[in-house]
Amino acid sequence: MDGRWVVQFRSGDGRIPMPNELWSEDGFYLELDHQPLLNGWRWDGLPVTTDAGNAKEIAVRLLRDEPPLEVALHTLLDGTPVLTRWLEITNRGDTPLPVGTIVSRR
C-alpha cells in the first residue's frame, strides 16, 4: 500500500470486522543508520518452495532503491498450528549499511 508492506485487520475468533475495527499497520519495521525505512518498497515476487515433507515456505520479496535493499519476508507452513516467520535482508549496494532496529510483525 503506497510503497509499504502492511498487514490488515484479521479476526482471530472468526467474527466479521466492524467498520471501526478496520486498520492496517506496517508488516515490519526496519531502521538503518537511525533512518526508518517504512515506505519506498516495491513488490518483486512471491516464490513458494515445498520440501519432501510437504512443508511450504513462502517468501514475499520487496525491493527499494535508496538505500539499495532487498527484503524477503519468509513464512514457513509445516502443517502445525505454528507459523514460523523471519526476515532476510540483502544489501544490494557497495556501501555497508549499519542495521539499527528490525521488527517483524504478525
Protein backbone atom coordinates (compact mmCIF):
# COMPACT_ATOMS: atom_id res chain seq x y z
CA MET A 1 0.00 0.00 0.00
CA ASP A 2 1.70 3.19 -1.23
CA GLY A 3 5.20 1.64 -1.05
CA ARG A 4 4.64 0.00 2.36
CA TRP A 5 4.11 -3.66 3.27
CA VAL A 6 1.12 -3.59 5.60
CA VAL A 7 -0.95 -6.14 7.49
CA GLN A 8 -4.72 -5.74 7.64
CA PHE A 9 -7.12 -6.46 10.47
CA ARG A 10 -7.86 -10.14 10.93
CA SER A 11 -10.28 -11.52 13.49
CA GLY A 12 -8.83 -14.47 15.40
CA ASP A 13 -12.26 -15.57 16.59
CA GLY A 14 -13.93 -15.65 13.17
CA ARG A 15 -16.21 -12.65 13.56
CA ILE A 16 -16.65 -10.12 10.79
CA PRO A 17 -14.68 -6.90 11.46
CA MET A 18 -16.77 -3.88 12.30
CA PRO A 19 -16.10 -0.60 10.42
CA ASN A 20 -14.45 0.96 13.47
CA GLU A 21 -12.08 -2.03 13.73
CA LEU A 22 -10.56 -1.73 10.27
CA TRP A 23 -6.89 -0.86 10.49
CA SER A 24 -3.55 -1.58 8.92
CA GLU A 25 -0.04 -1.37 10.26
CA ASP A 26 3.41 -1.92 8.84
CA GLY A 27 4.22 -5.61 8.44
CA PHE A 28 7.80 -4.99 9.54
CA TYR A 29 9.94 -2.17 10.87
CA LEU A 30 13.49 -1.72 9.63
CA GLU A 31 15.89 1.01 10.67
CA LEU A 32 19.30 1.52 9.09
CA ASP A 33 21.73 4.14 10.36
CA HIS A 34 18.96 5.65 12.55
CA GLN A 35 16.68 6.07 9.50
CA PRO A 36 13.33 4.20 9.50
CA LEU A 37 12.61 2.56 6.14
CA LEU A 38 8.81 2.41 6.17
CA ASN A 39 7.96 3.26 2.57
CA GLY A 40 9.66 3.16 -0.83
CA TRP A 41 9.27 -0.63 -1.20
CA ARG A 42 8.11 -2.35 -4.36
CA TRP A 43 6.91 -5.90 -4.95
CA ASP A 44 9.43 -8.30 -6.52
CA GLY A 45 7.71 -11.67 -6.31
CA LEU A 46 6.39 -14.48 -4.16
CA PRO A 47 8.43 -17.67 -4.53
CA VAL A 48 6.96 -20.79 -2.92
CA THR A 49 9.02 -23.89 -2.18
CA THR A 50 7.81 -27.29 -0.95
CA ASP A 51 10.01 -29.89 0.71
CA ALA A 52 9.59 -33.68 0.80
CA GLY A 53 7.51 -33.43 3.97
CA ASN A 54 5.04 -31.07 2.22
CA ALA A 55 6.11 -28.06 4.30
CA LYS A 56 5.79 -24.86 2.30
CA GLU A 57 7.97 -21.82 2.56
CA ILE A 58 6.60 -18.58 1.12
CA ALA A 59 8.86 -15.54 0.74
CA VAL A 60 7.47 -12.16 -0.23
CA ARG A 61 10.31 -10.24 -1.90
CA LEU A 62 10.42 -6.44 -1.67
CA LEU A 63 13.00 -4.08 -3.21
CA ARG A 64 13.93 -0.46 -2.68
CA ASP A 65 16.38 1.82 -4.47
CA GLU A 66 17.61 4.09 -1.68
CA PRO A 67 19.27 2.50 0.12
CA PRO A 68 19.53 -0.41 -2.33
CA LEU A 69 17.98 -3.26 -0.35
CA GLU A 70 16.06 -6.47 -0.82
CA VAL A 71 13.90 -7.80 2.00
CA ALA A 72 12.37 -11.27 1.89
CA LEU A 73 9.56 -11.87 4.41
CA HIS A 74 9.57 -15.65 4.93
CA THR A 75 6.70 -17.74 6.31
CA LEU A 76 7.05 -21.49 6.90
CA LEU A 77 3.85 -23.56 6.79
CA ASP A 78 4.64 -27.05 8.08
CA GLY A 79 1.20 -28.46 8.89
CA THR A 80 1.31 -27.46 12.56
CA PRO A 81 -0.71 -24.57 14.03
CA VAL A 82 2.53 -22.58 14.39
CA LEU A 83 3.69 -20.14 11.69
CA THR A 84 7.45 -19.61 11.60
CA ARG A 85 8.45 -16.20 10.22
CA TRP A 86 11.71 -14.37 9.60
CA LEU A 87 13.18 -11.53 7.56
CA GLU A 88 16.11 -11.90 5.18
CA ILE A 89 17.78 -8.57 4.39
CA THR A 90 20.21 -8.19 1.48
CA ASN A 91 22.31 -5.11 0.82
CA ARG A 92 22.34 -4.69 -2.98
CA GLY A 93 24.81 -1.80 -2.88
CA ASP A 94 28.56 -1.45 -2.42
CA THR A 95 28.46 0.51 0.85
CA PRO A 96 27.99 -1.20 4.24
CA LEU A 97 24.66 -0.35 5.91
CA PRO A 98 24.52 -0.31 9.73
CA VAL A 99 21.38 -2.10 10.93
CA GLY A 100 19.65 -0.41 13.85
CA THR A 101 16.26 -1.98 14.59
CA ILE A 102 14.42 -4.88 12.98
CA VAL A 103 10.89 -5.87 13.99
CA SER A 104 8.75 -8.42 12.15
CA ARG A 105 5.05 -8.01 12.88
CA ARG A 106 2.25 -10.55 12.54
